[in-house]
N, C-alpha and C. Protein backbone atom coordinates (compact mmCIF):
# COMPACT_ATOMS: atom_id res chain seq x y z
N MET A 1 -48.26 -31.81 10.03
CA MET A 1 -49.46 -30.99 10.41
C MET A 1 -50.16 -31.70 11.52
N GLN A 2 -50.91 -30.68 12.29
CA GLN A 2 -51.64 -30.90 13.37
C GLN A 2 -52.87 -30.01 13.24
N THR A 3 -53.97 -30.52 13.39
CA THR A 3 -55.24 -29.98 12.97
C THR A 3 -55.61 -29.35 14.32
N VAL A 4 -55.75 -27.68 14.51
CA VAL A 4 -56.01 -27.09 15.58
C VAL A 4 -57.13 -26.03 15.26
N ASP A 5 -58.21 -26.28 15.99
CA ASP A 5 -59.42 -25.25 15.79
C ASP A 5 -59.91 -25.42 14.28
N GLY A 6 -59.73 -26.63 13.69
CA GLY A 6 -60.13 -26.95 12.34
C GLY A 6 -59.28 -26.44 11.25
N ARG A 7 -57.94 -25.89 11.50
CA ARG A 7 -57.00 -25.45 10.60
C ARG A 7 -55.77 -26.27 10.95
N ASP A 8 -55.11 -26.55 9.76
CA ASP A 8 -53.94 -27.34 9.74
C ASP A 8 -52.74 -26.36 10.10
N ARG A 9 -51.91 -26.86 11.12
CA ARG A 9 -50.82 -26.05 11.69
C ARG A 9 -49.60 -26.85 11.53
N VAL A 10 -48.55 -26.46 11.01
CA VAL A 10 -47.24 -26.90 11.16
C VAL A 10 -46.56 -27.22 12.23
N VAL A 11 -46.33 -28.39 12.50
CA VAL A 11 -45.58 -28.78 13.99
C VAL A 11 -44.08 -28.70 13.73
N ALA A 12 -43.54 -28.98 12.66
CA ALA A 12 -42.03 -28.87 12.44
C ALA A 12 -41.63 -28.54 11.26
N TYR A 13 -40.77 -27.89 11.12
CA TYR A 13 -39.91 -27.79 9.67
C TYR A 13 -38.57 -28.29 9.61
N ALA A 14 -38.43 -28.88 8.46
CA ALA A 14 -37.11 -29.47 8.29
C ALA A 14 -36.57 -29.37 6.82
N SER A 15 -35.27 -29.14 6.61
CA SER A 15 -34.87 -28.97 5.19
C SER A 15 -33.30 -29.67 5.05
N LYS A 16 -33.02 -29.94 4.08
CA LYS A 16 -31.49 -30.65 3.69
C LYS A 16 -31.18 -30.30 2.39
N LEU A 17 -29.76 -29.99 2.39
CA LEU A 17 -29.28 -29.88 1.14
C LEU A 17 -28.62 -31.09 0.66
N LEU A 18 -28.71 -31.29 -0.68
CA LEU A 18 -27.98 -32.50 -1.20
C LEU A 18 -26.60 -32.17 -1.19
N VAL A 19 -25.82 -33.37 -0.63
CA VAL A 19 -24.24 -33.31 -0.29
C VAL A 19 -23.58 -34.42 -1.26
N GLY A 20 -22.53 -34.49 -1.59
CA GLY A 20 -21.74 -35.33 -2.12
C GLY A 20 -22.35 -36.18 -3.44
N SER A 21 -22.35 -37.23 -3.57
CA SER A 21 -23.02 -38.05 -4.51
C SER A 21 -24.54 -37.68 -4.84
N GLU A 22 -25.17 -37.23 -3.81
CA GLU A 22 -26.41 -36.83 -4.01
C GLU A 22 -26.69 -35.65 -5.07
N LYS A 23 -25.59 -34.96 -5.33
CA LYS A 23 -25.77 -33.90 -6.34
C LYS A 23 -25.80 -34.45 -7.58
N ASN A 24 -25.29 -35.63 -7.93
CA ASN A 24 -25.19 -36.26 -9.14
C ASN A 24 -26.61 -36.71 -9.50
N TRP A 25 -27.61 -36.70 -8.67
CA TRP A 25 -28.82 -37.07 -9.19
C TRP A 25 -29.44 -36.25 -9.92
N ILE A 26 -29.26 -34.80 -9.79
CA ILE A 26 -29.77 -33.75 -10.69
C ILE A 26 -29.56 -33.87 -12.06
N HIS A 27 -28.51 -34.56 -12.56
CA HIS A 27 -28.29 -34.47 -13.99
C HIS A 27 -28.72 -36.10 -14.53
N LYS A 28 -29.36 -36.84 -13.82
CA LYS A 28 -29.81 -38.07 -14.21
C LYS A 28 -31.20 -37.96 -14.82
N GLN A 29 -31.70 -38.86 -15.80
CA GLN A 29 -32.81 -38.78 -16.38
C GLN A 29 -34.02 -38.77 -15.41
N ASP A 30 -34.11 -39.64 -14.41
CA ASP A 30 -34.95 -39.82 -13.37
C ASP A 30 -34.52 -39.26 -12.11
N GLY A 31 -33.71 -38.29 -12.21
CA GLY A 31 -33.00 -37.43 -11.10
C GLY A 31 -34.15 -36.77 -10.07
N THR A 32 -35.00 -36.17 -10.81
CA THR A 32 -36.04 -35.54 -9.97
C THR A 32 -36.78 -36.51 -9.05
N SER A 33 -37.31 -37.73 -9.69
CA SER A 33 -37.95 -38.73 -8.64
C SER A 33 -36.82 -39.12 -7.63
N GLU A 34 -35.69 -39.39 -8.01
CA GLU A 34 -34.98 -39.76 -6.69
C GLU A 34 -34.70 -38.88 -5.92
N ILE A 35 -34.65 -37.49 -6.26
CA ILE A 35 -34.48 -36.39 -5.12
C ILE A 35 -35.76 -36.31 -4.36
N GLU A 36 -36.76 -36.35 -4.87
CA GLU A 36 -38.15 -36.17 -4.09
C GLU A 36 -38.12 -37.63 -3.31
N CYS A 37 -37.96 -38.61 -3.80
CA CYS A 37 -37.93 -39.86 -3.13
C CYS A 37 -36.99 -39.55 -1.84
N TRP A 38 -35.92 -39.25 -1.94
CA TRP A 38 -34.87 -39.11 -1.02
C TRP A 38 -35.34 -38.13 0.01
N GLY A 39 -36.07 -37.14 -0.19
CA GLY A 39 -36.65 -36.10 0.68
C GLY A 39 -37.64 -36.73 1.43
N ILE A 40 -38.57 -37.65 1.00
CA ILE A 40 -39.37 -38.46 1.92
C ILE A 40 -38.71 -39.41 2.90
N VAL A 41 -37.64 -40.01 2.18
CA VAL A 41 -36.86 -41.05 3.18
C VAL A 41 -36.11 -40.21 4.33
N TRP A 42 -35.50 -39.27 3.84
CA TRP A 42 -34.66 -38.38 4.93
C TRP A 42 -35.77 -37.81 6.11
N ALA A 43 -36.86 -37.38 5.49
CA ALA A 43 -37.77 -36.84 6.46
C ALA A 43 -38.23 -37.94 7.40
N THR A 44 -38.62 -38.97 6.78
CA THR A 44 -39.17 -40.06 7.90
C THR A 44 -38.19 -40.57 8.66
N ARG A 45 -36.81 -40.37 8.35
CA ARG A 45 -35.84 -40.86 9.21
C ARG A 45 -35.77 -39.89 10.33
N LYS A 46 -35.67 -38.56 10.03
CA LYS A 46 -35.58 -37.54 10.96
C LYS A 46 -36.72 -37.47 12.02
N PHE A 47 -37.90 -37.71 11.31
CA PHE A 47 -39.10 -37.69 12.28
C PHE A 47 -39.69 -39.18 12.73
N ARG A 48 -38.70 -40.05 12.66
CA ARG A 48 -39.20 -41.56 12.83
C ARG A 48 -39.78 -41.75 14.24
N CYS A 49 -39.19 -40.88 15.28
CA CYS A 49 -39.77 -41.18 16.53
C CYS A 49 -41.39 -40.72 16.78
N TYR A 50 -41.62 -39.82 15.93
CA TYR A 50 -42.95 -39.39 16.04
C TYR A 50 -44.07 -40.30 14.87
N LEU A 51 -43.27 -40.72 14.01
CA LEU A 51 -43.97 -41.56 13.01
C LEU A 51 -44.36 -42.94 13.24
N ASP A 52 -43.43 -43.48 14.10
CA ASP A 52 -43.43 -44.90 14.42
C ASP A 52 -44.59 -45.45 15.14
N ARG A 53 -45.09 -46.56 14.85
CA ARG A 53 -46.29 -46.94 15.63
C ARG A 53 -47.62 -46.32 15.36
N GLN A 54 -47.42 -45.38 14.42
CA GLN A 54 -49.05 -44.69 14.09
C GLN A 54 -49.02 -44.41 12.44
N GLU A 55 -50.31 -44.72 12.03
CA GLU A 55 -50.52 -44.41 10.63
C GLU A 55 -50.63 -42.89 10.38
N PHE A 56 -49.93 -42.52 9.24
CA PHE A 56 -49.98 -41.05 8.95
C PHE A 56 -50.09 -40.85 7.52
N ASP A 57 -50.44 -39.76 7.04
CA ASP A 57 -50.66 -39.40 5.65
C ASP A 57 -49.37 -38.74 4.97
N LEU A 58 -48.91 -39.24 3.92
CA LEU A 58 -47.82 -38.58 3.30
C LEU A 58 -48.32 -37.82 2.02
N PHE A 59 -48.30 -36.51 1.81
CA PHE A 59 -48.58 -35.76 0.66
C PHE A 59 -47.54 -35.56 -0.04
N THR A 60 -47.46 -35.87 -1.34
CA THR A 60 -46.31 -35.41 -2.44
C THR A 60 -46.91 -34.53 -3.49
N ASP A 61 -46.26 -33.54 -4.16
CA ASP A 61 -46.60 -32.98 -5.18
C ASP A 61 -45.83 -33.67 -6.40
N HIS A 62 -45.09 -34.79 -6.32
CA HIS A 62 -44.49 -35.60 -7.16
C HIS A 62 -45.32 -36.81 -7.55
N LYS A 63 -46.18 -36.81 -8.45
CA LYS A 63 -47.08 -37.85 -8.84
C LYS A 63 -46.43 -39.24 -8.96
N ALA A 64 -45.49 -39.34 -9.38
CA ALA A 64 -44.64 -40.55 -9.69
C ALA A 64 -44.46 -41.37 -8.51
N LEU A 65 -44.18 -40.69 -7.28
CA LEU A 65 -43.94 -41.32 -6.00
C LEU A 65 -45.21 -41.99 -5.36
N THR A 66 -46.32 -41.55 -5.90
CA THR A 66 -47.54 -42.27 -5.38
C THR A 66 -47.34 -43.80 -5.86
N TRP A 67 -46.87 -43.90 -7.10
CA TRP A 67 -46.77 -45.25 -7.62
C TRP A 67 -45.66 -46.16 -6.93
N VAL A 68 -44.73 -45.56 -6.50
CA VAL A 68 -43.39 -46.39 -6.07
C VAL A 68 -43.83 -46.74 -4.68
N PHE A 69 -44.54 -46.10 -3.94
CA PHE A 69 -44.93 -46.68 -2.47
C PHE A 69 -46.33 -47.36 -2.50
N GLU A 70 -46.96 -47.57 -3.40
CA GLU A 70 -48.00 -48.45 -3.39
C GLU A 70 -47.46 -49.97 -3.19
N ALA A 71 -48.40 -50.74 -2.56
CA ALA A 71 -47.96 -52.20 -2.12
C ALA A 71 -48.11 -52.79 -3.59
N GLY A 72 -47.04 -53.75 -3.79
CA GLY A 72 -46.99 -54.54 -4.66
C GLY A 72 -46.45 -54.07 -6.13
N ASN A 73 -46.08 -52.85 -6.08
CA ASN A 73 -45.50 -52.26 -7.40
C ASN A 73 -44.10 -52.27 -7.13
N ARG A 74 -43.32 -52.55 -8.30
CA ARG A 74 -41.98 -52.80 -8.39
C ARG A 74 -41.34 -51.60 -9.28
N THR A 75 -40.14 -51.38 -9.13
CA THR A 75 -39.45 -50.47 -9.78
C THR A 75 -38.11 -50.95 -10.20
N SER A 76 -37.55 -50.84 -11.40
CA SER A 76 -36.35 -51.10 -11.75
C SER A 76 -35.08 -50.42 -11.24
N ASN A 77 -35.45 -49.51 -10.69
CA ASN A 77 -34.36 -48.51 -10.13
C ASN A 77 -33.95 -49.17 -8.69
N ALA A 78 -33.03 -49.54 -8.38
CA ALA A 78 -32.48 -50.30 -7.08
C ALA A 78 -32.73 -49.39 -5.90
N LYS A 79 -32.33 -47.96 -6.21
CA LYS A 79 -32.31 -47.10 -4.95
C LYS A 79 -33.74 -46.81 -4.50
N PRO A 80 -34.78 -46.45 -5.39
CA PRO A 80 -36.12 -46.13 -4.58
C PRO A 80 -36.83 -47.47 -4.32
N ALA A 81 -36.13 -48.73 -4.90
CA ALA A 81 -36.80 -50.00 -4.24
C ALA A 81 -36.34 -50.08 -2.76
N ARG A 82 -35.00 -49.76 -2.47
CA ARG A 82 -34.52 -50.00 -1.38
C ARG A 82 -35.27 -49.17 -0.34
N TRP A 83 -35.43 -47.81 -0.64
CA TRP A 83 -36.14 -46.83 0.14
C TRP A 83 -37.44 -47.23 0.42
N ALA A 84 -38.17 -47.81 -0.73
CA ALA A 84 -39.54 -48.28 -0.44
C ALA A 84 -39.67 -49.24 0.51
N MET A 85 -38.58 -50.28 0.51
CA MET A 85 -38.45 -51.30 1.46
C MET A 85 -38.24 -50.91 2.92
N GLU A 86 -37.35 -49.83 2.97
CA GLU A 86 -37.18 -49.22 4.31
C GLU A 86 -38.41 -48.41 4.82
N LEU A 87 -39.09 -47.98 3.97
CA LEU A 87 -40.39 -47.23 4.33
C LEU A 87 -41.64 -48.18 4.54
N SER A 88 -41.58 -49.40 4.13
CA SER A 88 -42.62 -50.16 4.20
C SER A 88 -42.76 -50.72 5.72
N GLN A 89 -41.75 -50.14 6.63
CA GLN A 89 -41.76 -50.54 8.08
C GLN A 89 -42.70 -49.54 8.69
N LEU A 90 -43.06 -48.45 8.00
CA LEU A 90 -43.93 -47.50 8.48
C LEU A 90 -45.35 -47.64 7.91
N ARG A 91 -46.41 -47.11 8.69
CA ARG A 91 -47.62 -47.41 8.37
C ARG A 91 -48.24 -45.92 7.69
N PHE A 92 -48.33 -45.65 6.40
CA PHE A 92 -48.82 -44.41 5.82
C PHE A 92 -49.38 -44.86 4.64
N LYS A 93 -50.19 -43.70 4.14
CA LYS A 93 -50.75 -43.57 2.88
C LYS A 93 -50.17 -42.54 1.98
N VAL A 94 -50.00 -42.75 0.81
CA VAL A 94 -49.32 -41.64 0.04
C VAL A 94 -50.48 -41.12 -0.77
N PHE A 95 -50.58 -39.68 -0.83
CA PHE A 95 -51.48 -38.97 -1.58
C PHE A 95 -50.73 -37.87 -2.60
N HIS A 96 -51.09 -37.93 -3.75
CA HIS A 96 -50.76 -36.73 -4.56
C HIS A 96 -51.56 -35.41 -4.31
N LYS A 97 -50.84 -34.41 -4.18
CA LYS A 97 -51.40 -33.01 -3.88
C LYS A 97 -50.58 -32.06 -4.87
N ALA A 98 -51.36 -31.23 -5.68
CA ALA A 98 -50.68 -30.39 -6.66
C ALA A 98 -49.78 -29.42 -5.86
N GLY A 99 -48.63 -29.20 -6.34
CA GLY A 99 -47.69 -28.05 -5.60
C GLY A 99 -48.26 -26.73 -5.27
N THR A 100 -49.21 -26.43 -6.27
CA THR A 100 -49.86 -24.98 -6.13
C THR A 100 -51.12 -25.00 -4.90
N ALA A 101 -51.44 -26.42 -4.61
CA ALA A 101 -52.38 -26.52 -3.54
C ALA A 101 -51.72 -26.75 -2.17
N MET A 102 -50.48 -26.85 -2.12
CA MET A 102 -49.70 -27.04 -0.93
C MET A 102 -49.31 -25.71 -0.14
N GLY A 103 -49.34 -24.61 -0.80
CA GLY A 103 -48.63 -23.44 -0.45
C GLY A 103 -47.16 -23.28 -0.67
N PRO A 104 -46.46 -22.62 0.16
CA PRO A 104 -45.14 -22.50 0.07
C PRO A 104 -44.24 -23.73 0.64
N VAL A 105 -44.43 -24.78 0.10
CA VAL A 105 -43.66 -25.97 0.61
C VAL A 105 -42.07 -25.82 0.36
N ASP A 106 -41.76 -25.09 -0.62
CA ASP A 106 -40.15 -25.09 -0.60
C ASP A 106 -39.41 -23.92 0.07
N GLY A 107 -40.22 -23.42 1.09
CA GLY A 107 -39.65 -22.18 1.80
C GLY A 107 -38.24 -22.46 2.35
N LEU A 108 -38.21 -23.49 3.07
CA LEU A 108 -36.79 -23.60 3.78
C LEU A 108 -35.59 -23.83 2.68
N SER A 109 -35.96 -24.60 1.52
CA SER A 109 -34.73 -24.82 0.66
C SER A 109 -34.46 -23.65 -0.18
N ARG A 110 -35.59 -22.56 -0.14
CA ARG A 110 -35.20 -21.30 -1.00
C ARG A 110 -35.08 -20.27 -0.04
N LEU A 111 -34.68 -20.41 1.38
CA LEU A 111 -34.65 -19.29 2.24
C LEU A 111 -33.37 -18.58 1.96
N HIS A 112 -33.63 -17.19 2.03
CA HIS A 112 -32.60 -16.37 1.73
C HIS A 112 -31.78 -15.66 3.22
N TYR A 113 -32.66 -15.98 4.08
CA TYR A 113 -32.07 -15.23 5.37
C TYR A 113 -30.97 -16.33 5.96
N SER A 114 -30.05 -15.62 6.65
CA SER A 114 -28.97 -16.71 7.29
C SER A 114 -29.58 -17.34 8.72
N THR A 115 -30.68 -16.60 9.36
CA THR A 115 -31.00 -17.31 10.59
C THR A 115 -32.57 -17.37 10.49
N VAL A 116 -33.01 -18.16 11.25
CA VAL A 116 -34.55 -18.43 11.36
C VAL A 116 -34.92 -18.26 12.93
N ASN A 117 -35.77 -17.54 13.34
CA ASN A 117 -36.21 -17.39 14.61
C ASN A 117 -36.67 -18.83 15.25
N ALA A 118 -36.07 -19.26 16.20
CA ALA A 118 -36.42 -20.55 16.88
C ALA A 118 -36.35 -20.68 18.41
N LEU A 119 -37.18 -21.46 19.07
CA LEU A 119 -36.88 -21.61 20.46
C LEU A 119 -36.05 -22.79 20.73
N THR A 120 -35.27 -22.95 21.48
CA THR A 120 -34.36 -23.99 21.74
C THR A 120 -34.79 -24.63 23.00
N TRP A 121 -34.23 -25.74 23.42
CA TRP A 121 -34.74 -26.39 24.78
C TRP A 121 -34.25 -25.64 25.82
N ALA A 122 -33.15 -24.96 25.71
CA ALA A 122 -32.50 -24.16 26.68
C ALA A 122 -33.22 -23.03 27.07
N ASP A 123 -33.95 -22.50 26.01
CA ASP A 123 -34.87 -21.15 26.38
C ASP A 123 -36.12 -21.74 27.07
N LEU A 124 -36.66 -22.88 26.87
CA LEU A 124 -37.90 -23.20 27.29
C LEU A 124 -37.63 -23.67 28.76
N LEU A 125 -36.39 -24.39 29.06
CA LEU A 125 -36.18 -24.81 30.32
C LEU A 125 -35.79 -23.73 31.21
N ASN A 126 -34.97 -22.70 30.79
CA ASN A 126 -34.56 -21.82 31.70
C ASN A 126 -35.53 -20.44 31.72
N ALA A 127 -36.75 -20.57 31.13
CA ALA A 127 -37.61 -19.47 31.14
C ALA A 127 -38.38 -19.57 32.55
N GLU A 128 -38.62 -18.57 33.44
CA GLU A 128 -39.11 -18.47 34.45
C GLU A 128 -40.48 -18.84 34.36
N GLU A 129 -40.78 -19.81 35.50
CA GLU A 129 -42.31 -20.42 35.42
C GLU A 129 -43.41 -19.47 35.32
N ASP A 130 -43.20 -18.13 35.80
CA ASP A 130 -44.26 -16.97 35.84
C ASP A 130 -44.55 -16.66 34.22
N ASP A 131 -43.40 -16.40 33.50
CA ASP A 131 -43.58 -15.85 32.26
C ASP A 131 -43.20 -16.84 30.91
N GLY A 132 -43.00 -17.96 31.31
CA GLY A 132 -42.59 -19.12 30.30
C GLY A 132 -43.80 -19.17 29.20
N GLU A 133 -44.92 -19.27 29.85
CA GLU A 133 -46.14 -19.37 28.67
C GLU A 133 -46.16 -18.13 28.12
N ASP A 134 -46.08 -16.87 28.80
CA ASP A 134 -46.12 -15.61 28.15
C ASP A 134 -45.19 -15.36 27.04
N ARG A 135 -43.92 -15.85 27.25
CA ARG A 135 -42.78 -15.78 26.20
C ARG A 135 -43.27 -16.46 24.94
N LEU A 136 -43.76 -17.82 25.25
CA LEU A 136 -44.40 -18.71 23.97
C LEU A 136 -45.20 -17.84 23.23
N VAL A 137 -46.10 -17.24 23.79
CA VAL A 137 -47.25 -16.55 23.19
C VAL A 137 -46.74 -15.43 22.40
N GLN A 138 -45.75 -14.56 23.10
CA GLN A 138 -45.27 -13.36 22.48
C GLN A 138 -44.49 -13.75 21.25
N VAL A 139 -43.55 -14.89 21.44
CA VAL A 139 -42.76 -15.43 20.13
C VAL A 139 -43.94 -15.83 19.01
N GLU A 140 -44.90 -16.43 19.12
CA GLU A 140 -45.94 -16.68 18.32
C GLU A 140 -46.54 -15.65 17.62
N GLU A 141 -46.88 -14.52 18.37
CA GLU A 141 -47.41 -13.34 17.94
C GLU A 141 -46.38 -12.49 16.95
N GLU A 142 -45.10 -12.61 17.44
CA GLU A 142 -44.10 -11.75 16.70
C GLU A 142 -43.88 -12.61 15.42
N ASP A 143 -43.89 -13.64 15.35
CA ASP A 143 -43.42 -14.61 14.21
C ASP A 143 -44.43 -15.36 13.80
N PRO A 144 -45.32 -15.05 12.46
CA PRO A 144 -46.22 -15.80 12.14
C PRO A 144 -46.16 -17.28 11.63
N VAL A 145 -44.85 -17.58 11.50
CA VAL A 145 -44.32 -18.85 11.14
C VAL A 145 -44.20 -19.77 12.28
N VAL A 146 -43.89 -19.18 13.46
CA VAL A 146 -43.84 -19.95 14.64
C VAL A 146 -45.00 -20.40 15.28
N PHE A 147 -45.44 -21.85 15.53
CA PHE A 147 -46.60 -22.02 16.22
C PHE A 147 -46.06 -22.99 17.49
N VAL A 148 -46.53 -22.65 18.50
CA VAL A 148 -46.53 -23.47 19.75
C VAL A 148 -47.66 -24.48 19.88
N PRO A 149 -47.45 -25.77 19.81
CA PRO A 149 -48.37 -26.73 20.08
C PRO A 149 -48.96 -26.73 21.49
N THR A 150 -50.17 -27.05 21.69
CA THR A 150 -50.49 -27.15 23.07
C THR A 150 -51.21 -28.25 23.35
N THR A 151 -51.21 -28.57 24.58
CA THR A 151 -51.76 -29.82 25.05
C THR A 151 -52.80 -29.77 26.03
N ALA A 152 -53.78 -30.63 26.44
CA ALA A 152 -54.80 -30.45 27.42
C ALA A 152 -54.18 -30.82 28.70
N GLU A 153 -52.77 -31.41 28.72
CA GLU A 153 -52.49 -31.93 30.03
C GLU A 153 -51.66 -30.70 30.76
N PRO A 154 -51.59 -30.55 32.06
CA PRO A 154 -50.87 -29.55 32.80
C PRO A 154 -49.50 -29.34 32.37
N ARG A 155 -48.78 -28.30 32.47
CA ARG A 155 -47.59 -28.16 31.87
C ARG A 155 -46.50 -28.66 33.02
N ASN A 156 -46.85 -28.45 34.12
CA ASN A 156 -45.98 -29.00 35.30
C ASN A 156 -46.06 -30.41 35.78
N ASP A 157 -46.67 -31.02 35.12
CA ASP A 157 -47.23 -32.49 35.55
C ASP A 157 -45.92 -33.44 35.48
N VAL A 158 -45.05 -33.23 36.33
CA VAL A 158 -43.87 -34.20 36.23
C VAL A 158 -43.70 -34.60 37.61
N SER A 159 -43.82 -36.01 37.93
CA SER A 159 -43.73 -36.73 39.16
C SER A 159 -42.51 -37.71 39.14
N GLY A 160 -41.72 -37.39 40.18
CA GLY A 160 -40.73 -38.41 40.31
C GLY A 160 -39.43 -37.68 39.82
N ASN A 161 -38.44 -38.59 39.43
CA ASN A 161 -37.35 -38.22 38.59
C ASN A 161 -37.66 -38.49 37.09
N ALA A 162 -37.10 -37.51 36.21
CA ALA A 162 -37.25 -37.59 35.02
C ALA A 162 -35.96 -37.48 34.12
N GLU A 163 -35.87 -38.12 33.11
CA GLU A 163 -34.66 -38.08 32.32
C GLU A 163 -35.29 -38.08 30.81
N ILE A 164 -34.95 -37.11 30.03
CA ILE A 164 -35.35 -37.00 28.81
C ILE A 164 -34.10 -36.92 27.86
N THR A 165 -34.15 -37.69 26.87
CA THR A 165 -32.93 -37.60 25.98
C THR A 165 -33.45 -37.54 24.47
N PRO A 166 -33.55 -36.37 23.81
CA PRO A 166 -34.22 -36.11 22.59
C PRO A 166 -33.27 -36.78 21.45
N ALA A 167 -31.91 -36.81 21.57
CA ALA A 167 -31.02 -37.43 20.71
C ALA A 167 -29.84 -38.12 21.57
N PRO A 168 -29.55 -39.15 21.32
CA PRO A 168 -28.52 -39.84 22.06
C PRO A 168 -27.27 -39.09 22.29
N GLY A 169 -26.70 -38.66 23.24
CA GLY A 169 -25.52 -38.07 23.50
C GLY A 169 -25.59 -36.40 23.28
N LEU A 170 -26.68 -36.15 23.10
CA LEU A 170 -26.73 -34.51 22.77
C LEU A 170 -27.00 -33.77 24.18
N LEU A 171 -28.07 -34.02 24.82
CA LEU A 171 -28.52 -33.33 26.12
C LEU A 171 -29.30 -34.31 26.79
N GLU A 172 -29.20 -33.97 28.05
CA GLU A 172 -29.98 -34.68 28.97
C GLU A 172 -30.76 -33.57 30.00
N VAL A 173 -31.77 -34.08 30.51
CA VAL A 173 -32.68 -33.18 31.38
C VAL A 173 -32.92 -33.99 32.54
N GLU A 174 -32.65 -33.44 33.74
CA GLU A 174 -32.91 -34.24 35.06
C GLU A 174 -33.69 -33.25 35.70
N GLU A 175 -34.74 -33.82 36.56
CA GLU A 175 -35.28 -33.12 37.48
C GLU A 175 -34.73 -32.92 38.79
N SER A 176 -34.65 -31.80 39.26
CA SER A 176 -34.01 -31.48 40.66
C SER A 176 -35.13 -30.46 41.25
N GLY A 177 -35.99 -31.01 42.06
CA GLY A 177 -37.09 -30.33 42.69
C GLY A 177 -38.26 -30.18 41.57
N ALA A 178 -38.49 -28.83 41.57
CA ALA A 178 -39.68 -28.48 40.63
C ALA A 178 -39.35 -28.11 39.30
N ARG A 179 -37.81 -27.82 39.05
CA ARG A 179 -37.43 -27.00 38.07
C ARG A 179 -36.47 -27.94 37.21
N PRO A 180 -36.71 -28.20 36.03
CA PRO A 180 -35.99 -29.10 35.24
C PRO A 180 -34.24 -28.23 34.96
N THR A 181 -33.09 -28.96 34.88
CA THR A 181 -32.18 -28.28 34.71
C THR A 181 -31.45 -28.79 33.52
N LEU A 182 -30.69 -28.08 32.65
CA LEU A 182 -30.26 -28.83 31.50
C LEU A 182 -28.64 -29.08 31.79
N LEU A 183 -28.10 -30.13 31.38
CA LEU A 183 -26.76 -30.49 31.54
C LEU A 183 -26.18 -30.72 30.28
N SER A 184 -24.90 -30.23 30.23
CA SER A 184 -24.12 -30.27 29.10
C SER A 184 -23.46 -31.67 29.01
N HIS A 185 -23.12 -32.05 27.67
CA HIS A 185 -22.53 -33.31 27.83
C HIS A 185 -21.14 -33.42 28.47
N SER A 186 -20.38 -32.30 28.91
CA SER A 186 -19.16 -32.51 29.76
C SER A 186 -19.69 -32.52 31.35
N GLU A 187 -20.97 -32.12 31.71
CA GLU A 187 -21.31 -32.27 32.96
C GLU A 187 -21.91 -33.71 33.55
N ARG A 188 -22.23 -34.37 32.44
CA ARG A 188 -22.77 -35.52 32.81
C ARG A 188 -21.78 -36.47 33.67
N SER A 189 -22.16 -37.37 34.52
CA SER A 189 -21.15 -38.33 35.10
C SER A 189 -21.12 -39.78 34.58
């Protein structure tokens, strides 16, 4: 979440289905705790690049997890203990917040639509300079779920050569002149 004009706004959404042996957790006595704990571990792994080196607040509607992640507490279950050790590398505070107070937190896992409107890097990079900002505003107005975070820094403040790699091996962006171009994996030298 990011606070903009005094309101909390979502920066990103993520969801994951249980696969393989993870589905066995559903039938265990403490399966709900494992599933909730795995959700936190998975999300922190996914967004690690944003969470590393800064303190953040983690809100859960599963009260038992607040105890697992408190310093000095031990659990007899090896799996949450391993996950707690992994998460101890991050600086965060765990807070319990009732599910009813969190709003529609299960929206992605209960989504019945086959697609969700999204902006891709290619859309952003290939947008014309003149209408790029207008397109983002248009998408935000059409879809109340989409929020485009803004910064105080100029949009075109790129100097020298730039290379951005959001995920290793997936895409590369190089600056040629004033406009970045998207290179596919096969076009790289």
